[in-house]
Amino acid sequence: MAKKSDRKLNELGEYLAKRSINKSEVCRKTGIHPTRMTWLCYESITFLKAYELQLIAMSIKVAPSEMQNDLFGNLKLKEDNKNISEQERLNIQIINLLKVSNNSQNEIITDIKAIERIGKIITFCMTSKTEAEILNLISLKRKSHNFIALLKACVQINWLTQKQTKEEGKVIKTYTTTEYGRLLLENE
């Protein structure tokens, strides 16, 4: 177990130390247990509750919004708006092509998660990929009926090609994006 002297203050601990705030006084005023206050000052402040921040700010006579901004003002939103809209465009294009296609598997591919997976798989398979690599990409632990139907539909629509090879008595299936699949990605 780490000694007290070995532990490092987190943002809240540094905030209070910089202002020479007595933590036991804060505990007395706020009703926050001293153990909890120590935990808040040394562990990740990801779990700092809003009411705790409010009480601490009031006890040290700082505006809660100012304290929150000092502690969390460095946070930024993800700037994936462009990627999200590209993904949405690709999803719409895949949906439209699935409607036009005479694929018997269309009824399986109706939810948006499956559509997004198709877009990821087609993009990922620009070079040959195994089923295991594709499962890893879309965060599945094992093959399911829907996963197999999804790959089969992509092969039937001619977005992917499938090759089977035998290695050490096992059949290894690899998938590669076709020219038609590449055109789908370019036209998004």
Protein backbone atom coordinates (compact mmCIF):
# COMPACT_ATOMS: atom_id res chain seq x y z
CA MET A 1 0.00 0.00 0.00
CA ALA A 2 1.26 3.47 -0.89
CA LYS A 3 2.25 5.81 1.92
CA LYS A 4 0.44 9.11 2.27
CA SER A 5 3.58 10.93 1.19
CA ASP A 6 3.78 8.81 -2.01
CA ARG A 7 0.27 9.70 -3.13
CA LYS A 8 -0.28 12.49 -5.61
CA LEU A 9 -3.05 15.06 -5.37
CA ASN A 10 -5.59 15.14 -8.17
CA GLU A 11 -7.11 18.30 -9.64
CA LEU A 12 -9.44 18.92 -6.69
CA GLY A 13 -6.65 18.28 -4.16
CA GLU A 14 -4.34 20.68 -6.01
CA TYR A 15 -7.18 23.23 -6.27
CA LEU A 16 -7.66 23.18 -2.48
CA ALA A 17 -3.91 23.08 -1.72
CA LYS A 18 -3.22 26.04 -4.00
CA ARG A 19 -5.74 28.08 -2.02
CA SER A 20 -4.42 26.79 1.36
CA ILE A 21 -7.83 25.36 2.23
CA ASN A 22 -8.09 23.32 5.43
CA LYS A 23 -9.85 20.10 4.36
CA SER A 24 -11.02 19.27 7.89
CA GLU A 25 -12.73 22.68 8.05
CA VAL A 26 -14.42 21.95 4.71
CA CYS A 27 -15.56 18.57 6.08
CA ARG A 28 -17.01 20.22 9.18
CA LYS A 29 -18.91 22.83 7.15
CA THR A 30 -20.17 20.50 4.43
CA GLY A 31 -20.83 17.28 6.32
CA ILE A 32 -18.63 15.36 3.89
CA HIS A 33 -16.85 12.58 5.78
CA PRO A 34 -13.07 13.11 6.11
CA THR A 35 -12.36 9.75 4.44
CA ARG A 36 -14.50 10.78 1.47
CA MET A 37 -12.71 14.16 1.31
CA THR A 38 -9.33 12.42 1.28
CA TRP A 39 -10.56 10.10 -1.45
CA LEU A 40 -11.85 13.09 -3.46
CA CYS A 41 -8.46 14.82 -3.18
CA TYR A 42 -6.27 11.86 -4.15
CA GLU A 43 -8.28 9.54 -6.38
CA SER A 44 -9.70 10.34 -9.82
CA ILE A 45 -12.37 13.03 -9.47
CA THR A 46 -14.45 11.41 -12.17
CA PHE A 47 -16.94 10.55 -9.45
CA LEU A 48 -17.17 13.95 -7.76
CA LYS A 49 -20.86 14.43 -7.18
CA ALA A 50 -22.50 17.70 -8.12
CA TYR A 51 -23.81 18.32 -4.62
CA GLU A 52 -20.30 17.74 -3.20
CA LEU A 53 -18.83 20.29 -5.59
CA GLN A 54 -21.62 22.73 -4.65
CA LEU A 55 -21.04 22.25 -0.90
CA ILE A 56 -17.24 22.51 -1.17
CA ALA A 57 -17.51 25.67 -3.28
CA MET A 58 -19.92 27.26 -0.80
CA SER A 59 -17.68 26.35 2.16
CA ILE A 60 -14.60 27.98 0.58
CA LYS A 61 -16.65 30.96 -0.66
CA VAL A 62 -16.11 30.38 -4.38
CA ALA A 63 -18.80 30.41 -7.05
CA PRO A 64 -19.61 26.75 -7.84
CA SER A 65 -19.56 27.47 -11.58
CA GLU A 66 -16.11 29.06 -11.25
CA MET A 67 -14.81 26.06 -9.31
CA GLN A 68 -16.30 23.66 -11.82
CA ASN A 69 -14.74 25.60 -14.68
CA ASP A 70 -11.35 25.59 -12.92
CA LEU A 71 -11.52 21.83 -12.39
CA PHE A 72 -13.16 20.72 -15.64
CA GLY A 73 -12.66 23.63 -18.03
CA ASN A 74 -10.10 21.67 -20.04
CA LEU A 75 -12.69 19.13 -21.26
CA LYS A 76 -13.60 19.32 -24.96
CA LEU A 77 -16.32 17.75 -27.05
CA LYS A 78 -15.32 15.22 -29.65
CA GLU A 79 -14.96 16.84 -33.05
CA ASP A 80 -16.40 13.87 -34.97
CA ASN A 81 -19.29 15.79 -36.52
CA LYS A 82 -17.81 15.34 -39.99
CA ASN A 83 -17.28 11.61 -39.44
CA ILE A 84 -20.77 11.18 -38.03
CA SER A 85 -22.38 12.79 -41.06
CA GLU A 86 -20.21 10.72 -43.42
CA GLN A 87 -21.23 7.59 -41.52
CA GLU A 88 -24.89 8.62 -41.72
CA ARG A 89 -24.59 9.22 -45.47
CA LEU A 90 -23.00 5.82 -45.91
CA ASN A 91 -25.76 4.23 -43.80
CA ILE A 92 -28.46 5.85 -45.96
CA GLN A 93 -26.74 4.70 -49.13
CA ILE A 94 -26.45 1.13 -47.80
CA ILE A 95 -30.12 1.13 -46.80
CA ASN A 96 -31.18 2.35 -50.25
CA LEU A 97 -29.02 -0.24 -52.01
CA LEU A 98 -30.40 -2.99 -49.77
CA LYS A 99 -33.96 -1.96 -50.72
CA VAL A 100 -33.14 -2.08 -54.43
CA SER A 101 -31.25 -5.36 -54.14
CA ASN A 102 -33.05 -8.66 -54.62
CA ASN A 103 -31.26 -10.03 -51.61
CA SER A 104 -33.28 -12.51 -49.58
CA GLN A 105 -31.37 -11.47 -46.45
CA ASN A 106 -32.76 -7.89 -46.46
CA GLU A 107 -35.25 -8.59 -43.71
CA ILE A 108 -32.35 -9.37 -41.33
CA ILE A 109 -30.52 -6.15 -42.10
CA THR A 110 -33.00 -3.57 -40.91
CA ASP A 111 -31.55 -2.15 -37.73
CA ILE A 112 -29.15 0.79 -37.86
CA LYS A 113 -26.46 -1.09 -35.90
CA ALA A 114 -26.25 -3.73 -38.66
CA ILE A 115 -26.11 -1.00 -41.30
CA GLU A 116 -23.25 0.72 -39.43
CA ARG A 117 -21.46 -2.62 -39.14
CA ILE A 118 -21.72 -3.14 -42.90
CA GLY A 119 -20.11 0.27 -43.48
CA LYS A 120 -17.30 -0.54 -41.04
CA ILE A 121 -16.73 -3.98 -42.54
CA ILE A 122 -16.61 -2.74 -46.13
CA THR A 123 -14.14 -0.01 -45.14
CA PHE A 124 -12.04 -2.42 -43.06
CA CYS A 125 -11.83 -5.15 -45.72
CA MET A 126 -9.95 -3.08 -48.31
CA THR A 127 -7.28 -5.73 -47.75
CA SER A 128 -8.27 -9.33 -46.99
CA LYS A 129 -9.48 -9.87 -43.43
CA THR A 130 -10.48 -13.02 -41.59
CA GLU A 131 -13.78 -13.51 -39.78
CA ALA A 132 -11.91 -13.22 -36.47
CA GLU A 133 -10.48 -9.82 -37.45
CA ILE A 134 -13.93 -8.61 -38.52
CA LEU A 135 -15.48 -9.86 -35.26
CA ASN A 136 -12.82 -7.94 -33.36
CA LEU A 137 -13.52 -4.78 -35.39
CA ILE A 138 -17.22 -4.77 -34.58
CA SER A 139 -16.63 -5.85 -30.96
CA LEU A 140 -18.30 -9.25 -31.07
CA LYS A 141 -16.84 -12.15 -29.12
CA ARG A 142 -18.19 -14.94 -31.31
CA LYS A 143 -19.98 -15.57 -34.57
CA SER A 144 -23.74 -15.27 -34.41
CA HIS A 145 -26.48 -16.02 -36.90
CA ASN A 146 -26.92 -12.30 -37.61
CA PHE A 147 -23.17 -11.80 -38.14
CA ILE A 148 -23.04 -14.68 -40.64
CA ALA A 149 -26.19 -13.39 -42.40
CA LEU A 150 -24.64 -9.92 -42.56
CA LEU A 151 -21.47 -11.21 -44.23
CA LYS A 152 -23.51 -13.44 -46.55
CA ALA A 153 -25.65 -10.47 -47.59
CA CYS A 154 -22.54 -8.37 -48.33
CA VAL A 155 -21.17 -11.19 -50.49
CA GLN A 156 -24.51 -11.66 -52.31
CA ILE A 157 -24.81 -7.93 -53.02
CA ASN A 158 -21.21 -8.05 -54.30
CA TRP A 159 -19.75 -5.63 -51.76
CA LEU A 160 -17.40 -8.31 -50.43
CA THR A 161 -15.76 -11.40 -51.87
CA GLN A 162 -15.24 -14.49 -49.77
CA LYS A 163 -12.31 -16.89 -50.10
CA GLN A 164 -11.91 -20.13 -48.20
CA THR A 165 -8.55 -21.74 -47.50
CA LYS A 166 -7.66 -24.79 -45.46
CA GLU A 167 -4.91 -24.41 -42.88
CA GLU A 168 -4.10 -27.14 -40.36
CA GLY A 169 -7.47 -28.81 -40.91
CA LYS A 170 -9.42 -25.58 -40.37
CA VAL A 171 -11.36 -23.68 -42.99
CA ILE A 172 -10.30 -20.02 -42.90
CA LYS A 173 -12.68 -17.56 -44.54
CA THR A 174 -11.30 -14.23 -45.67
CA TYR A 175 -13.27 -11.27 -46.99
CA THR A 176 -12.16 -8.49 -49.32
CA THR A 177 -14.04 -5.40 -50.49
CA THR A 178 -14.98 -5.61 -54.17
CA GLU A 179 -14.79 -2.79 -56.72
CA TYR A 180 -18.53 -2.34 -56.24
CA GLY A 181 -17.94 -1.98 -52.49
CA ARG A 182 -15.15 0.53 -53.12
CA LEU A 183 -17.51 2.55 -55.34
CA LEU A 184 -20.06 2.54 -52.54
CA LEU A 185 -17.47 4.08 -50.21
CA GLU A 186 -16.32 6.63 -52.79
CA ASN A 187 -19.89 7.76 -53.55
CA GLU A 188 -20.76 8.46 -49.94
